[in-house]
Amino acid sequence: MEGLTGIPHPQPTRFKPVSWREVEEGCAHIAEKILATNLNVDVIVGILRGGWIPARLLSDYLGVDTMGALEVKFYRGVGETAEKPVITQPLIVNVRDKVVLVVDDVSDTGKTLTVAVNFLMHYGPRKIVTATLYVKPWSMYRPDFYHSETDAWIIFPWDKAETVVELVAKRGLSIEEVSKITGESIDFIRRIFETRNKASTTSSRAGQD
């Protein structure tokens, strides 16, 4: 399942907005690939947060009712240069002697899938396979199933506000430029940007109470 590549992780130079329809088509494509192998999946584990929606769609397309969630976060402590993976969402579904499909939205560096698979192995599954909608050419982990490969910065429907904040507040792009990149109207981009900023301000104030 795992393959190492010597390709460095470059800065993205182009963007790939993904629509809800493209997400559905991508998941349908993955489901067809899985069925073509005659693999009988018992449990689907979605990696939070981006993998949960594709995981739910695949559970629908494959008729797999048993689902679980796993959250992997990477932290860097004071004085540390390397990020350490931490499982912050415990596994609450039984995977022992089961065929488990682990789902994420994209395999970028491949670290998250590597950690998730290694973690799940401790619970005694019969087999683990992985799936992502997209995989980057430099990923150190190649999923067993994926829709397509791209080197672009992917903008999913579920992280659009986060992307807008990154591009506007941190990278200095204008609302108009982000509107062209995402294919959304200027009014909508401004709306979700202001909403996200207001939410961040509210959260910060609540933490001081």
Protein backbone atom coordinates (compact mmCIF):
# COMPACT_ATOMS: atom_id res chain seq x y z
CA MET A 1 0.00 0.00 0.00
CA GLU A 2 2.75 2.43 0.89
CA GLY A 3 5.18 3.79 -1.61
CA LEU A 4 7.94 6.33 -1.07
CA THR A 5 8.69 8.96 -3.68
CA GLY A 6 11.66 11.23 -4.02
CA ILE A 7 9.60 14.12 -5.35
CA PRO A 8 9.84 17.25 -3.16
CA HIS A 9 6.75 19.03 -1.87
CA PRO A 10 6.53 22.25 -3.96
CA GLN A 11 4.48 25.35 -3.34
CA PRO A 12 1.24 25.19 -5.36
CA THR A 13 1.17 27.39 -8.43
CA ARG A 14 -2.41 26.72 -9.50
CA PHE A 15 -5.75 25.99 -7.91
CA LYS A 16 -8.39 23.32 -8.39
CA PRO A 17 -11.87 24.25 -7.12
CA VAL A 18 -13.95 21.10 -6.66
CA SER A 19 -17.75 21.20 -6.84
CA TRP A 20 -20.15 19.01 -4.89
CA ARG A 21 -20.99 17.18 -8.12
CA GLU A 22 -17.31 16.46 -8.71
CA VAL A 23 -17.07 15.08 -5.18
CA GLU A 24 -20.00 12.75 -5.88
CA GLU A 25 -18.55 11.69 -9.23
CA GLY A 26 -15.16 11.08 -7.64
CA CYS A 27 -16.62 8.92 -4.89
CA ALA A 28 -18.69 6.98 -7.41
CA HIS A 29 -15.51 6.35 -9.41
CA ILE A 30 -13.74 5.06 -6.29
CA ALA A 31 -16.69 2.82 -5.42
CA GLU A 32 -16.59 1.31 -8.91
CA LYS A 33 -12.86 0.62 -8.53
CA ILE A 34 -13.43 -1.09 -5.20
CA LEU A 35 -16.26 -3.24 -6.54
CA ALA A 36 -14.12 -4.25 -9.51
CA THR A 37 -11.71 -5.94 -7.08
CA ASN A 38 -14.54 -7.94 -5.47
CA LEU A 39 -13.50 -6.52 -2.11
CA ASN A 40 -16.19 -6.79 0.55
CA VAL A 41 -15.76 -3.81 2.89
CA ASP A 42 -17.10 -4.30 6.43
CA VAL A 43 -16.25 -0.96 8.02
CA ILE A 44 -15.49 2.51 6.68
CA VAL A 45 -13.35 4.85 8.78
CA GLY A 46 -13.39 8.50 7.76
CA ILE A 47 -10.44 10.69 8.71
CA LEU A 48 -11.67 13.92 10.24
CA ARG A 49 -12.31 16.43 9.07
CA GLY A 50 -11.91 16.31 5.30
CA GLY A 51 -12.43 12.59 4.88
CA TRP A 52 -15.78 12.33 6.61
CA ILE A 53 -17.97 13.48 3.72
CA PRO A 54 -16.29 11.22 1.11
CA ALA A 55 -16.48 8.39 3.66
CA ARG A 56 -20.22 8.94 4.11
CA LEU A 57 -20.77 8.98 0.35
CA LEU A 58 -18.79 5.76 -0.08
CA SER A 59 -20.80 4.11 2.69
CA ASP A 60 -23.92 5.01 0.71
CA TYR A 61 -22.58 3.86 -2.67
CA LEU A 62 -21.11 0.62 -1.30
CA GLY A 63 -23.97 -0.13 1.10
CA VAL A 64 -21.67 -0.24 4.13
CA ASP A 65 -23.63 0.75 7.23
CA THR A 66 -20.84 0.55 9.82
CA MET A 67 -18.75 3.71 10.04
CA GLY A 68 -16.20 5.18 12.37
CA ALA A 69 -14.15 8.37 12.56
CA LEU A 70 -10.51 9.05 13.30
CA GLU A 71 -8.84 12.42 13.79
CA VAL A 72 -5.10 12.87 13.27
CA LYS A 73 -3.41 16.14 14.16
CA PHE A 74 0.24 17.09 13.96
CA TYR A 75 1.76 19.17 16.75
CA ARG A 76 5.18 20.73 17.24
CA GLY A 77 6.23 21.35 20.82
CA VAL A 78 8.48 24.12 22.09
CA GLY A 79 12.04 23.55 20.92
CA GLU A 80 10.99 20.77 18.55
CA THR A 81 11.54 20.87 14.79
CA ALA A 82 9.54 17.79 13.84
CA GLU A 83 5.78 17.45 13.99
CA LYS A 84 4.39 14.60 16.07
CA PRO A 85 1.13 12.90 15.09
CA VAL A 86 -1.55 12.72 17.75
CA ILE A 87 -4.81 10.78 17.51
CA THR A 88 -7.32 13.24 18.95
CA GLN A 89 -10.52 11.35 18.08
CA PRO A 90 -10.71 7.84 19.57
CA LEU A 91 -11.90 4.90 17.50
CA ILE A 92 -15.31 3.79 18.76
CA VAL A 93 -16.14 1.17 16.12
CA ASN A 94 -15.06 -2.46 16.23
CA VAL A 95 -12.66 -3.33 13.39
CA ARG A 96 -11.29 -6.64 14.68
CA ASP A 97 -11.25 -9.27 11.91
CA LYS A 98 -12.95 -6.77 9.60
CA VAL A 99 -12.05 -5.41 6.17
CA VAL A 100 -11.60 -1.70 6.82
CA LEU A 101 -11.69 1.10 4.25
CA VAL A 102 -9.92 4.25 5.48
CA VAL A 103 -11.03 7.39 3.65
CA ASP A 104 -9.57 10.90 3.40
CA ASP A 105 -10.15 13.72 0.95
CA VAL A 106 -6.54 13.99 -0.27
CA SER A 107 -3.18 12.33 0.26
CA ASP A 108 -0.83 15.32 0.21
CA THR A 109 2.30 14.47 2.20
CA GLY A 110 0.84 11.06 3.04
CA LYS A 111 1.60 11.43 6.74
CA THR A 112 -2.01 11.34 7.89
CA LEU A 113 -2.84 8.10 6.10
CA THR A 114 0.37 6.50 7.32
CA VAL A 115 -0.44 7.36 10.93
CA ALA A 116 -4.08 6.29 10.60
CA VAL A 117 -3.24 2.90 9.08
CA ASN A 118 -0.52 2.18 11.64
CA PHE A 119 -2.91 3.14 14.45
CA LEU A 120 -5.73 0.94 13.15
CA MET A 121 -3.42 -2.06 12.81
CA HIS A 122 -3.33 -2.28 16.61
CA TYR A 123 -7.05 -3.09 16.64
CA GLY A 124 -6.69 -6.36 14.73
CA PRO A 125 -8.44 -5.75 11.40
CA ARG A 126 -8.32 -8.54 8.83
CA LYS A 127 -7.38 -6.08 6.08
CA ILE A 128 -6.98 -2.33 5.67
CA VAL A 129 -7.35 -0.51 2.36
CA THR A 130 -7.26 3.23 1.78
CA ALA A 131 -9.03 5.68 -0.51
CA THR A 132 -8.80 9.39 -1.24
CA LEU A 133 -10.47 11.59 -3.80
CA TYR A 134 -7.11 13.04 -4.85
CA VAL A 135 -3.44 12.21 -4.42
CA LYS A 136 -0.49 14.55 -4.89
CA PRO A 137 2.45 13.29 -7.01
CA TRP A 138 4.86 13.86 -4.10
CA SER A 139 2.81 11.96 -1.52
CA MET A 140 4.84 9.33 0.32
CA TYR A 141 1.68 7.24 0.63
CA ARG A 142 -0.23 5.99 -2.40
CA PRO A 143 -3.82 5.08 -1.51
CA ASP A 144 -5.14 1.78 -2.77
CA PHE A 145 -7.98 3.64 -4.47
CA TYR A 146 -8.24 7.25 -5.61
CA HIS A 147 -10.12 9.32 -8.15
CA SER A 148 -7.30 11.31 -9.71
CA GLU A 149 -3.86 12.83 -9.20
CA THR A 150 -3.15 16.56 -9.15
CA ASP A 151 -0.39 18.93 -8.08
CA ALA A 152 -2.84 21.82 -7.65
CA TRP A 153 -4.07 23.42 -4.44
CA ILE A 154 -7.45 21.71 -4.07
CA ILE A 155 -10.36 23.80 -2.84
CA PHE A 156 -13.06 21.49 -1.49
CA PRO A 157 -16.61 22.71 -0.76
CA TRP A 158 -16.10 21.93 2.94
CA ASP A 159 -12.98 24.05 3.46
CA LYS A 160 -13.72 27.02 1.22
CA ALA A 161 -13.91 29.62 4.00
CA GLU A 162 -10.65 28.37 5.46
CA THR A 163 -9.03 28.68 2.03
CA VAL A 164 -10.41 32.18 1.49
CA VAL A 165 -8.93 33.34 4.82
CA GLU A 166 -5.58 31.77 3.92
CA LEU A 167 -5.48 33.49 0.53
CA VAL A 168 -6.77 36.88 1.63
CA ALA A 169 -5.47 37.38 5.18
CA LYS A 170 -2.22 35.44 4.96
CA ARG A 171 -1.21 35.57 1.30
CA GLY A 172 -2.47 39.04 0.47
CA LEU A 173 -4.84 38.23 -2.39
CA SER A 174 -7.88 40.42 -2.92
CA ILE A 175 -11.48 39.25 -2.61
CA GLU A 176 -11.78 39.74 -6.36
CA GLU A 177 -8.77 37.52 -7.07
CA VAL A 178 -10.09 34.77 -4.81
CA SER A 179 -13.47 35.05 -6.53
CA LYS A 180 -11.80 34.26 -9.87
CA ILE A 181 -9.78 31.38 -8.37
CA THR A 182 -12.77 29.69 -6.76
CA GLY A 183 -15.36 30.51 -9.41
CA GLU A 184 -17.63 31.96 -6.72
CA SER A 185 -19.21 35.40 -6.76
CA ILE A 186 -17.41 38.31 -5.09
CA ASP A 187 -20.38 38.75 -2.74
CA PHE A 188 -20.22 35.14 -1.60
CA ILE A 189 -16.46 35.20 -1.04
CA ARG A 190 -16.75 38.41 0.97
CA ARG A 191 -19.63 36.90 2.95
CA ILE A 192 -17.80 33.74 4.02
CA PHE A 193 -14.60 35.70 4.68
CA GLU A 194 -16.41 38.09 7.01
CA THR A 195 -18.32 35.25 8.65
CA ARG A 196 -15.13 33.31 9.32
CA ASN A 197 -13.43 36.40 10.75
CA LYS A 198 -16.40 37.13 12.99
CA ALA A 199 -16.42 33.52 14.20
CA SER A 200 -12.69 33.71 15.00
CA THR A 201 -13.18 36.95 16.94
CA THR A 202 -16.10 35.50 18.90
CA SER A 203 -14.06 32.39 19.70
CA SER A 204 -11.12 34.45 20.92
CA ARG A 205 -13.31 36.55 23.19
CA ALA A 206 -14.98 33.44 24.62
CA GLY A 207 -11.57 32.04 25.50
CA GLN A 208 -10.81 35.11 27.57
CA ASP A 209 -13.96 34.86 29.69
